All heavy atoms as atom14 arrays in JSON, in Angstrom:
{
  "sequence": "HVFPAYYELILPYLEGAPAADLKALSRENVNMNISTFVNLRRDSLMSL",
  "atom14_mask": [
    [1, 1, 1, 1, 1, 1, 1, 1, 1, 1, 0, 0, 0, 0],
    [1, 1, 1, 1, 1, 1, 1, 0, 0, 0, 0, 0, 0, 0],
    [1, 1, 1, 1, 1, 1, 1, 1, 1, 1, 1, 0, 0, 0],
    [1, 1, 1, 1, 1, 1, 1, 0, 0, 0, 0, 0, 0, 0],
    [1, 1, 1, 1, 1, 0, 0, 0, 0, 0, 0, 0, 0, 0],
    [1, 1, 1, 1, 1, 1, 1, 1, 1, 1, 1, 1, 0, 0],
    [1, 1, 1, 1, 1, 1, 1, 1, 1, 1, 1, 1, 0, 0],
    [1, 1, 1, 1, 1, 1, 1, 1, 1, 0, 0, 0, 0, 0],
    [1, 1, 1, 1, 1, 1, 1, 1, 0, 0, 0, 0, 0, 0],
    [1, 1, 1, 1, 1, 1, 1, 1, 0, 0, 0, 0, 0, 0],
    [1, 1, 1, 1, 1, 1, 1, 1, 0, 0, 0, 0, 0, 0],
    [1, 1, 1, 1, 1, 1, 1, 0, 0, 0, 0, 0, 0, 0],
    [1, 1, 1, 1, 1, 1, 1, 1, 1, 1, 1, 1, 0, 0],
    [1, 1, 1, 1, 1, 1, 1, 1, 0, 0, 0, 0, 0, 0],
    [1, 1, 1, 1, 1, 1, 1, 1, 1, 0, 0, 0, 0, 0],
    [1, 1, 1, 1, 0, 0, 0, 0, 0, 0, 0, 0, 0, 0],
    [1, 1, 1, 1, 1, 0, 0, 0, 0, 0, 0, 0, 0, 0],
    [1, 1, 1, 1, 1, 1, 1, 0, 0, 0, 0, 0, 0, 0],
    [1, 1, 1, 1, 1, 0, 0, 0, 0, 0, 0, 0, 0, 0],
    [1, 1, 1, 1, 1, 0, 0, 0, 0, 0, 0, 0, 0, 0],
    [1, 1, 1, 1, 1, 1, 1, 1, 0, 0, 0, 0, 0, 0],
    [1, 1, 1, 1, 1, 1, 1, 1, 0, 0, 0, 0, 0, 0],
    [1, 1, 1, 1, 1, 1, 1, 1, 1, 0, 0, 0, 0, 0],
    [1, 1, 1, 1, 1, 0, 0, 0, 0, 0, 0, 0, 0, 0],
    [1, 1, 1, 1, 1, 1, 1, 1, 0, 0, 0, 0, 0, 0],
    [1, 1, 1, 1, 1, 1, 0, 0, 0, 0, 0, 0, 0, 0],
    [1, 1, 1, 1, 1, 1, 1, 1, 1, 1, 1, 0, 0, 0],
    [1, 1, 1, 1, 1, 1, 1, 1, 1, 0, 0, 0, 0, 0],
    [1, 1, 1, 1, 1, 1, 1, 1, 0, 0, 0, 0, 0, 0],
    [1, 1, 1, 1, 1, 1, 1, 0, 0, 0, 0, 0, 0, 0],
    [1, 1, 1, 1, 1, 1, 1, 1, 0, 0, 0, 0, 0, 0],
    [1, 1, 1, 1, 1, 1, 1, 1, 0, 0, 0, 0, 0, 0],
    [1, 1, 1, 1, 1, 1, 1, 1, 0, 0, 0, 0, 0, 0],
    [1, 1, 1, 1, 1, 1, 1, 1, 0, 0, 0, 0, 0, 0],
    [1, 1, 1, 1, 1, 1, 0, 0, 0, 0, 0, 0, 0, 0],
    [1, 1, 1, 1, 1, 1, 1, 0, 0, 0, 0, 0, 0, 0],
    [1, 1, 1, 1, 1, 1, 1, 1, 1, 1, 1, 0, 0, 0],
    [1, 1, 1, 1, 1, 1, 1, 0, 0, 0, 0, 0, 0, 0],
    [1, 1, 1, 1, 1, 1, 1, 1, 0, 0, 0, 0, 0, 0],
    [1, 1, 1, 1, 1, 1, 1, 1, 0, 0, 0, 0, 0, 0],
    [1, 1, 1, 1, 1, 1, 1, 1, 1, 1, 1, 0, 0, 0],
    [1, 1, 1, 1, 1, 1, 1, 1, 1, 1, 1, 0, 0, 0],
    [1, 1, 1, 1, 1, 1, 1, 1, 0, 0, 0, 0, 0, 0],
    [1, 1, 1, 1, 1, 1, 0, 0, 0, 0, 0, 0, 0, 0],
    [1, 1, 1, 1, 1, 1, 1, 1, 0, 0, 0, 0, 0, 0],
    [1, 1, 1, 1, 1, 1, 1, 1, 0, 0, 0, 0, 0, 0],
    [1, 1, 1, 1, 1, 1, 0, 0, 0, 0, 0, 0, 0, 0],
    [1, 1, 1, 1, 1, 1, 1, 1, 0, 0, 0, 0, 0, 0]
  ],
  "atom14_positions": [
    [[8.08, -0.64, -26.37], [8.01, -0.93, -24.93], [6.7, -0.44, -24.33], [6.66, 0.37, -23.42], [9.2, -0.31, -24.2], [10.33, -1.27, -24.02], [10.35, -2.22, -23.02], [11.47, -1.46, -24.74], [11.46, -2.93, -23.1], [12.16, -2.5, -24.14], [0.0, 0.0, 0.0], [0.0, 0.0, 0.0], [0.0, 0.0, 0.0], [0.0, 0.0, 0.0]],
    [[5.61, -0.93, -24.86], [4.28, -0.64, -24.32], [3.7, -1.98, -23.89], [3.62, -2.93, -24.68], [3.38, 0.03, -25.37], [1.99, 0.26, -24.79], [3.98, 1.34, -25.84], [0.0, 0.0, 0.0], [0.0, 0.0, 0.0], [0.0, 0.0, 0.0], [0.0, 0.0, 0.0], [0.0, 0.0, 0.0], [0.0, 0.0, 0.0], [0.0, 0.0, 0.0]],
    [[3.33, -2.1, -22.64], [2.79, -3.35, -22.13], [1.27, -3.36, -22.22], [0.64, -2.34, -22.01], [3.25, -3.55, -20.68], [4.73, -3.81, -20.56], [5.62, -2.75, -20.46], [5.23, -5.1, -20.59], [6.99, -2.98, -20.37], [6.58, -5.34, -20.5], [7.47, -4.28, -20.38], [0.0, 0.0, 0.0], [0.0, 0.0, 0.0], [0.0, 0.0, 0.0]],
    [[0.67, -4.53, -22.52], [1.29, -5.85, -22.66], [1.79, -6.18, -24.07], [2.25, -7.3, -24.3], [0.15, -6.78, -22.28], [-1.07, -6.07, -22.78], [-0.8, -4.6, -22.57], [0.0, 0.0, 0.0], [0.0, 0.0, 0.0], [0.0, 0.0, 0.0], [0.0, 0.0, 0.0], [0.0, 0.0, 0.0], [0.0, 0.0, 0.0], [0.0, 0.0, 0.0]],
    [[1.75, -5.25, -25.0], [2.15, -5.54, -26.38], [3.6, -6.03, -26.45], [3.9, -7.02, -27.13], [1.97, -4.3, -27.25], [0.0, 0.0, 0.0], [0.0, 0.0, 0.0], [0.0, 0.0, 0.0], [0.0, 0.0, 0.0], [0.0, 0.0, 0.0], [0.0, 0.0, 0.0], [0.0, 0.0, 0.0], [0.0, 0.0, 0.0], [0.0, 0.0, 0.0]],
    [[4.51, -5.34, -25.75], [5.93, -5.74, -25.79], [6.1, -7.15, -25.23], [6.86, -7.95, -25.78], [6.77, -4.76, -24.98], [8.22, -5.2, -24.84], [9.12, -5.04, -25.89], [8.67, -5.8, -23.66], [10.43, -5.46, -25.78], [9.99, -6.22, -23.55], [10.87, -6.05, -24.6], [12.16, -6.48, -24.48], [0.0, 0.0, 0.0], [0.0, 0.0, 0.0]],
    [[5.41, -7.44, -24.15], [5.53, -8.77, -23.53], [5.09, -9.87, -24.48], [5.74, -10.91, -24.58], [4.7, -8.83, -22.25], [4.76, -10.18, -21.57], [5.93, -10.6, -20.93], [3.66, -11.03, -21.57], [5.99, -11.84, -20.32], [3.72, -12.27, -20.96], [4.89, -12.68, -20.34], [4.96, -13.92, -19.73], [0.0, 0.0, 0.0], [0.0, 0.0, 0.0]],
    [[4.03, -9.66, -25.2], [3.55, -10.68, -26.14], [4.56, -10.91, -27.27], [4.72, -12.03, -27.75], [2.19, -10.25, -26.73], [1.07, -10.19, -25.72], [0.8, -11.54, -25.06], [0.91, -12.57, -25.76], [0.49, -11.56, -23.85], [0.0, 0.0, 0.0], [0.0, 0.0, 0.0], [0.0, 0.0, 0.0], [0.0, 0.0, 0.0], [0.0, 0.0, 0.0]],
    [[5.25, -9.85, -27.67], [6.25, -9.98, -28.74], [7.5, -10.71, -28.27], [8.06, -11.54, -28.98], [6.63, -8.59, -29.26], [5.56, -7.83, -30.03], [5.98, -6.38, -30.26], [5.26, -8.51, -31.37], [0.0, 0.0, 0.0], [0.0, 0.0, 0.0], [0.0, 0.0, 0.0], [0.0, 0.0, 0.0], [0.0, 0.0, 0.0], [0.0, 0.0, 0.0]],
    [[7.94, -10.41, -27.05], [9.19, -10.97, -26.54], [8.99, -12.36, -25.92], [9.95, -13.1, -25.69], [9.82, -10.0, -25.5], [11.33, -10.26, -25.36], [9.13, -10.11, -24.14], [12.15, -9.83, -26.54], [0.0, 0.0, 0.0], [0.0, 0.0, 0.0], [0.0, 0.0, 0.0], [0.0, 0.0, 0.0], [0.0, 0.0, 0.0], [0.0, 0.0, 0.0]],
    [[7.75, -12.72, -25.63], [7.43, -13.96, -24.92], [8.1, -15.22, -25.5], [8.65, -16.02, -24.74], [5.91, -14.14, -24.86], [5.39, -15.39, -24.14], [5.89, -15.44, -22.7], [3.86, -15.42, -24.17], [0.0, 0.0, 0.0], [0.0, 0.0, 0.0], [0.0, 0.0, 0.0], [0.0, 0.0, 0.0], [0.0, 0.0, 0.0], [0.0, 0.0, 0.0]],
    [[8.09, -15.45, -26.84], [8.7, -16.68, -27.36], [10.2, -16.77, -27.1], [10.77, -17.87, -27.21], [8.41, -16.59, -28.87], [7.26, -15.66, -29.0], [7.45, -14.66, -27.91], [0.0, 0.0, 0.0], [0.0, 0.0, 0.0], [0.0, 0.0, 0.0], [0.0, 0.0, 0.0], [0.0, 0.0, 0.0], [0.0, 0.0, 0.0], [0.0, 0.0, 0.0]],
    [[10.83, -15.66, -26.76], [12.28, -15.62, -26.6], [12.72, -15.5, -25.14], [13.92, -15.43, -24.85], [12.85, -14.44, -27.39], [12.45, -14.45, -28.84], [11.35, -13.71, -29.29], [13.14, -15.21, -29.78], [10.97, -13.71, -30.62], [12.77, -15.22, -31.12], [11.68, -14.48, -31.53], [11.31, -14.5, -32.86], [0.0, 0.0, 0.0], [0.0, 0.0, 0.0]],
    [[11.77, -15.49, -24.2], [12.09, -15.2, -22.8], [12.98, -16.24, -22.13], [13.6, -15.95, -21.1], [10.81, -15.05, -21.99], [10.12, -13.69, -22.05], [8.89, -13.68, -21.15], [11.08, -12.57, -21.65], [0.0, 0.0, 0.0], [0.0, 0.0, 0.0], [0.0, 0.0, 0.0], [0.0, 0.0, 0.0], [0.0, 0.0, 0.0], [0.0, 0.0, 0.0]],
    [[13.07, -17.44, -22.7], [13.92, -18.46, -22.08], [15.4, -18.11, -22.18], [16.25, -18.78, -21.58], [13.64, -19.82, -22.71], [12.26, -20.35, -22.38], [11.95, -21.69, -23.04], [12.9, -22.45, -23.32], [10.76, -21.97, -23.28], [0.0, 0.0, 0.0], [0.0, 0.0, 0.0], [0.0, 0.0, 0.0], [0.0, 0.0, 0.0], [0.0, 0.0, 0.0]],
    [[15.71, -17.05, -22.91], [17.09, -16.58, -22.98], [17.3, -15.27, -22.24], [18.37, -14.66, -22.35], [0.0, 0.0, 0.0], [0.0, 0.0, 0.0], [0.0, 0.0, 0.0], [0.0, 0.0, 0.0], [0.0, 0.0, 0.0], [0.0, 0.0, 0.0], [0.0, 0.0, 0.0], [0.0, 0.0, 0.0], [0.0, 0.0, 0.0], [0.0, 0.0, 0.0]],
    [[16.32, -14.83, -21.47], [16.4, -13.52, -20.8], [17.29, -13.55, -19.58], [17.19, -14.47, -18.76], [15.0, -13.06, -20.41], [0.0, 0.0, 0.0], [0.0, 0.0, 0.0], [0.0, 0.0, 0.0], [0.0, 0.0, 0.0], [0.0, 0.0, 0.0], [0.0, 0.0, 0.0], [0.0, 0.0, 0.0], [0.0, 0.0, 0.0], [0.0, 0.0, 0.0]],
    [[18.17, -12.55, -19.41], [18.98, -12.47, -18.19], [18.14, -12.01, -17.01], [17.02, -11.51, -17.18], [20.04, -11.41, -18.56], [19.37, -10.56, -19.58], [18.48, -11.48, -20.37], [0.0, 0.0, 0.0], [0.0, 0.0, 0.0], [0.0, 0.0, 0.0], [0.0, 0.0, 0.0], [0.0, 0.0, 0.0], [0.0, 0.0, 0.0], [0.0, 0.0, 0.0]],
    [[18.68, -12.17, -15.82], [17.94, -11.85, -14.61], [17.48, -10.4, -14.57], [16.35, -10.11, -14.16], [18.79, -12.16, -13.38], [0.0, 0.0, 0.0], [0.0, 0.0, 0.0], [0.0, 0.0, 0.0], [0.0, 0.0, 0.0], [0.0, 0.0, 0.0], [0.0, 0.0, 0.0], [0.0, 0.0, 0.0], [0.0, 0.0, 0.0], [0.0, 0.0, 0.0]],
    [[18.33, -9.48, -15.0], [17.99, -8.06, -14.93], [16.73, -7.74, -15.72], [15.88, -6.94, -15.29], [19.16, -7.21, -15.45], [0.0, 0.0, 0.0], [0.0, 0.0, 0.0], [0.0, 0.0, 0.0], [0.0, 0.0, 0.0], [0.0, 0.0, 0.0], [0.0, 0.0, 0.0], [0.0, 0.0, 0.0], [0.0, 0.0, 0.0], [0.0, 0.0, 0.0]],
    [[16.56, -8.39, -16.87], [15.37, -8.13, -17.7], [14.12, -8.74, -17.07], [13.03, -8.17, -17.17], [15.59, -8.7, -19.1], [16.62, -7.89, -19.89], [17.22, -6.97, -19.31], [16.82, -8.19, -21.07], [0.0, 0.0, 0.0], [0.0, 0.0, 0.0], [0.0, 0.0, 0.0], [0.0, 0.0, 0.0], [0.0, 0.0, 0.0], [0.0, 0.0, 0.0]],
    [[14.27, -9.89, -16.42], [13.11, -10.5, -15.75], [12.68, -9.65, -14.55], [11.48, -9.5, -14.29], [13.46, -11.91, -15.29], [13.72, -12.93, -16.4], [14.11, -14.27, -15.8], [12.49, -13.09, -17.3], [0.0, 0.0, 0.0], [0.0, 0.0, 0.0], [0.0, 0.0, 0.0], [0.0, 0.0, 0.0], [0.0, 0.0, 0.0], [0.0, 0.0, 0.0]],
    [[13.66, -9.09, -13.85], [13.34, -8.22, -12.72], [12.58, -6.98, -13.2], [11.65, -6.5, -12.54], [14.62, -7.82, -11.99], [15.31, -8.98, -11.27], [16.65, -8.55, -10.68], [17.38, -9.7, -10.03], [16.75, -10.18, -8.79], [0.0, 0.0, 0.0], [0.0, 0.0, 0.0], [0.0, 0.0, 0.0], [0.0, 0.0, 0.0], [0.0, 0.0, 0.0]],
    [[12.97, -6.47, -14.37], [12.26, -5.32, -14.93], [10.84, -5.7, -15.32], [9.89, -4.95, -15.09], [13.02, -4.79, -16.14], [0.0, 0.0, 0.0], [0.0, 0.0, 0.0], [0.0, 0.0, 0.0], [0.0, 0.0, 0.0], [0.0, 0.0, 0.0], [0.0, 0.0, 0.0], [0.0, 0.0, 0.0], [0.0, 0.0, 0.0], [0.0, 0.0, 0.0]],
    [[10.68, -6.89, -15.91], [9.33, -7.35, -16.29], [8.43, -7.54, -15.07], [7.22, -7.37, -15.16], [9.43, -8.68, -17.05], [9.84, -8.63, -18.51], [9.91, -10.04, -19.08], [8.86, -7.79, -19.33], [0.0, 0.0, 0.0], [0.0, 0.0, 0.0], [0.0, 0.0, 0.0], [0.0, 0.0, 0.0], [0.0, 0.0, 0.0], [0.0, 0.0, 0.0]],
    [[9.04, -7.89, -13.93], [8.24, -8.15, -12.73], [7.51, -6.9, -12.25], [6.57, -6.99, -11.46], [9.13, -8.69, -11.6], [9.96, -7.68, -11.07], [0.0, 0.0, 0.0], [0.0, 0.0, 0.0], [0.0, 0.0, 0.0], [0.0, 0.0, 0.0], [0.0, 0.0, 0.0], [0.0, 0.0, 0.0], [0.0, 0.0, 0.0], [0.0, 0.0, 0.0]],
    [[7.94, -5.75, -12.73], [7.29, -4.49, -12.32], [6.22, -4.05, -13.32], [5.64, -2.98, -13.17], [8.35, -3.39, -12.18], [9.41, -3.69, -11.14], [10.32, -2.49, -10.9], [11.21, -2.22, -12.01], [12.43, -2.74, -12.15], [12.9, -3.58, -11.24], [13.19, -2.42, -13.19], [0.0, 0.0, 0.0], [0.0, 0.0, 0.0], [0.0, 0.0, 0.0]],
    [[5.95, -4.91, -14.32], [5.04, -4.5, -15.39], [3.72, -5.27, -15.43], [2.97, -5.18, -16.4], [5.74, -4.64, -16.74], [6.99, -3.79, -16.89], [6.7, -2.29, -16.87], [5.54, -1.91, -17.08], [7.65, -1.52, -16.64], [0.0, 0.0, 0.0], [0.0, 0.0, 0.0], [0.0, 0.0, 0.0], [0.0, 0.0, 0.0], [0.0, 0.0, 0.0]],
    [[3.45, -6.08, -14.41], [2.16, -6.78, -14.33], [1.89, -7.61, -15.6], [0.84, -7.47, -16.25], [1.02, -5.77, -14.11], [-0.29, -6.44, -13.74], [-0.29, -7.47, -13.07], [-1.4, -5.87, -14.17], [0.0, 0.0, 0.0], [0.0, 0.0, 0.0], [0.0, 0.0, 0.0], [0.0, 0.0, 0.0], [0.0, 0.0, 0.0], [0.0, 0.0, 0.0]],
    [[2.85, -8.5, -15.94], [2.73, -9.26, -17.19], [1.94, -10.55, -17.04], [1.56, -11.18, -18.02], [4.12, -9.58, -17.77], [4.83, -8.3, -18.17], [4.98, -10.39, -16.8], [0.0, 0.0, 0.0], [0.0, 0.0, 0.0], [0.0, 0.0, 0.0], [0.0, 0.0, 0.0], [0.0, 0.0, 0.0], [0.0, 0.0, 0.0], [0.0, 0.0, 0.0]],
    [[1.7, -11.01, -15.79], [0.92, -12.24, -15.56], [1.5, -13.43, -16.34], [0.79, -14.11, -17.09], [-0.55, -12.04, -15.91], [-1.22, -11.03, -14.99], [-1.0, -11.03, -13.78], [-2.02, -10.14, -15.57], [0.0, 0.0, 0.0], [0.0, 0.0, 0.0], [0.0, 0.0, 0.0], [0.0, 0.0, 0.0], [0.0, 0.0, 0.0], [0.0, 0.0, 0.0]],
    [[2.78, -13.68, -16.14], [3.45, -14.8, -16.81], [2.82, -16.12, -16.37], [2.52, -16.33, -15.19], [4.94, -14.79, -16.45], [5.76, -15.92, -17.06], [7.51, -15.85, -16.54], [8.06, -14.38, -17.42], [0.0, 0.0, 0.0], [0.0, 0.0, 0.0], [0.0, 0.0, 0.0], [0.0, 0.0, 0.0], [0.0, 0.0, 0.0], [0.0, 0.0, 0.0]],
    [[2.61, -17.04, -17.33], [2.06, -18.34, -16.94], [3.17, -19.23, -16.41], [4.35, -19.04, -16.68], [1.29, -19.01, -18.1], [2.18, -19.27, -19.29], [3.24, -19.89, -19.19], [1.74, -18.83, -20.47], [0.0, 0.0, 0.0], [0.0, 0.0, 0.0], [0.0, 0.0, 0.0], [0.0, 0.0, 0.0], [0.0, 0.0, 0.0], [0.0, 0.0, 0.0]],
    [[2.78, -20.23, -15.65], [3.76, -21.06, -14.94], [4.62, -21.88, -15.9], [5.79, -22.14, -15.62], [3.05, -21.99, -13.93], [4.07, -22.63, -12.97], [2.22, -23.03, -14.63], [4.75, -21.65, -12.05], [0.0, 0.0, 0.0], [0.0, 0.0, 0.0], [0.0, 0.0, 0.0], [0.0, 0.0, 0.0], [0.0, 0.0, 0.0], [0.0, 0.0, 0.0]],
    [[4.1, -22.27, -17.04], [4.88, -23.05, -18.0], [6.03, -22.22, -18.57], [7.12, -22.75, -18.84], [3.98, -23.57, -19.13], [3.39, -22.51, -19.84], [0.0, 0.0, 0.0], [0.0, 0.0, 0.0], [0.0, 0.0, 0.0], [0.0, 0.0, 0.0], [0.0, 0.0, 0.0], [0.0, 0.0, 0.0], [0.0, 0.0, 0.0], [0.0, 0.0, 0.0]],
    [[5.81, -20.93, -18.74], [6.89, -20.05, -19.17], [7.9, -19.86, -18.04], [9.12, -19.92, -18.26], [6.34, -18.67, -19.6], [5.45, -18.84, -20.7], [7.47, -17.73, -20.0], [0.0, 0.0, 0.0], [0.0, 0.0, 0.0], [0.0, 0.0, 0.0], [0.0, 0.0, 0.0], [0.0, 0.0, 0.0], [0.0, 0.0, 0.0], [0.0, 0.0, 0.0]],
    [[7.41, -19.67, -16.84], [8.27, -19.42, -15.68], [9.25, -20.56, -15.44], [10.46, -20.33, -15.24], [7.42, -19.19, -14.43], [8.22, -18.98, -13.19], [8.83, -17.75, -12.93], [8.38, -19.99, -12.26], [9.58, -17.55, -11.78], [9.13, -19.81, -11.11], [9.73, -18.59, -10.87], [0.0, 0.0, 0.0], [0.0, 0.0, 0.0], [0.0, 0.0, 0.0]],
    [[8.78, -21.79, -15.45], [9.65, -22.92, -15.11], [10.66, -23.23, -16.21], [11.59, -24.02, -16.0], [8.83, -24.19, -14.78], [7.95, -23.96, -13.56], [7.99, -24.63, -15.98], [0.0, 0.0, 0.0], [0.0, 0.0, 0.0], [0.0, 0.0, 0.0], [0.0, 0.0, 0.0], [0.0, 0.0, 0.0], [0.0, 0.0, 0.0], [0.0, 0.0, 0.0]],
    [[10.49, -22.62, -17.37], [11.44, -22.83, -18.46], [12.38, -21.64, -18.67], [13.12, -21.61, -19.66], [10.69, -23.14, -19.76], [10.14, -24.55, -19.78], [10.89, -25.53, -19.71], [8.83, -24.67, -19.87], [0.0, 0.0, 0.0], [0.0, 0.0, 0.0], [0.0, 0.0, 0.0], [0.0, 0.0, 0.0], [0.0, 0.0, 0.0], [0.0, 0.0, 0.0]],
    [[12.34, -20.7, -17.76], [13.27, -19.57, -17.83], [14.7, -20.06, -17.63], [14.93, -21.14, -17.1], [12.93, -18.53, -16.76], [11.6, -17.8, -16.91], [11.36, -16.91, -15.7], [11.58, -16.96, -18.19], [0.0, 0.0, 0.0], [0.0, 0.0, 0.0], [0.0, 0.0, 0.0], [0.0, 0.0, 0.0], [0.0, 0.0, 0.0], [0.0, 0.0, 0.0]],
    [[15.64, -19.24, -18.07], [17.05, -19.59, -17.87], [17.29, -19.84, -16.39], [16.91, -19.03, -15.55], [17.93, -18.44, -18.37], [19.31, -18.86, -18.8], [19.99, -17.73, -19.54], [20.65, -16.8, -18.64], [21.31, -15.73, -19.05], [21.37, -15.43, -20.33], [21.91, -14.94, -18.18], [0.0, 0.0, 0.0], [0.0, 0.0, 0.0], [0.0, 0.0, 0.0]],
    [[17.94, -20.97, -16.06], [18.05, -21.38, -14.67], [18.72, -20.34, -13.78], [18.24, -20.04, -12.68], [18.8, -22.71, -14.59], [18.97, -23.28, -13.17], [17.62, -23.54, -12.51], [16.87, -24.54, -13.19], [16.9, -25.85, -12.89], [17.66, -26.27, -11.9], [16.16, -26.71, -13.55], [0.0, 0.0, 0.0], [0.0, 0.0, 0.0], [0.0, 0.0, 0.0]],
    [[19.84, -19.79, -14.22], [20.54, -18.81, -13.37], [19.7, -17.55, -13.17], [19.75, -16.93, -12.11], [21.91, -18.48, -13.94], [21.83, -17.83, -15.32], [20.94, -18.21, -16.11], [22.64, -16.94, -15.63], [0.0, 0.0, 0.0], [0.0, 0.0, 0.0], [0.0, 0.0, 0.0], [0.0, 0.0, 0.0], [0.0, 0.0, 0.0], [0.0, 0.0, 0.0]],
    [[18.92, -17.2, -14.17], [18.05, -16.02, -14.05], [16.93, -16.28, -13.06], [16.64, -15.44, -12.19], [17.46, -15.66, -15.42], [18.48, -15.35, -16.34], [0.0, 0.0, 0.0], [0.0, 0.0, 0.0], [0.0, 0.0, 0.0], [0.0, 0.0, 0.0], [0.0, 0.0, 0.0], [0.0, 0.0, 0.0], [0.0, 0.0, 0.0], [0.0, 0.0, 0.0]],
    [[16.32, -17.44, -13.15], [15.21, -17.79, -12.25], [15.69, -17.83, -10.79], [15.03, -17.31, -9.89], [14.62, -19.14, -12.66], [13.37, -19.62, -11.93], [12.56, -20.54, -12.85], [13.71, -20.39, -10.65], [0.0, 0.0, 0.0], [0.0, 0.0, 0.0], [0.0, 0.0, 0.0], [0.0, 0.0, 0.0], [0.0, 0.0, 0.0], [0.0, 0.0, 0.0]],
    [[16.86, -18.44, -10.58], [17.35, -18.6, -9.21], [17.7, -17.27, -8.54], [17.78, -17.2, -7.32], [18.58, -19.51, -9.22], [18.29, -20.94, -9.65], [17.15, -21.81, -8.54], [18.18, -22.01, -7.09], [0.0, 0.0, 0.0], [0.0, 0.0, 0.0], [0.0, 0.0, 0.0], [0.0, 0.0, 0.0], [0.0, 0.0, 0.0], [0.0, 0.0, 0.0]],
    [[17.9, -16.23, -9.31], [18.27, -14.94, -8.74], [17.07, -14.09, -8.36], [17.21, -13.02, -7.77], [19.16, -14.16, -9.72], [18.4, -13.72, -10.82], [0.0, 0.0, 0.0], [0.0, 0.0, 0.0], [0.0, 0.0, 0.0], [0.0, 0.0, 0.0], [0.0, 0.0, 0.0], [0.0, 0.0, 0.0], [0.0, 0.0, 0.0], [0.0, 0.0, 0.0]],
    [[15.87, -14.55, -8.69], [14.65, -13.78, -8.41], [14.23, -13.92, -6.96], [14.32, -14.99, -6.37], [13.51, -14.24, -9.32], [13.71, -14.07, -10.83], [12.57, -14.73, -11.58], [13.82, -12.59, -11.19], [0.0, 0.0, 0.0], [0.0, 0.0, 0.0], [0.0, 0.0, 0.0], [0.0, 0.0, 0.0], [0.0, 0.0, 0.0], [0.0, 0.0, 0.0]]
  ]
}
């Protein structure tokens, strides 16, 4: 859990991330690209 190393490792799997984990990532300055964002799990995205 050292950023940005952890983010790069978990990135291919983020489309299965629950809302709580995305909220935690939002505090880590990960600079997510828009193509990743729009493909996040729908219920997780809508809760942000």
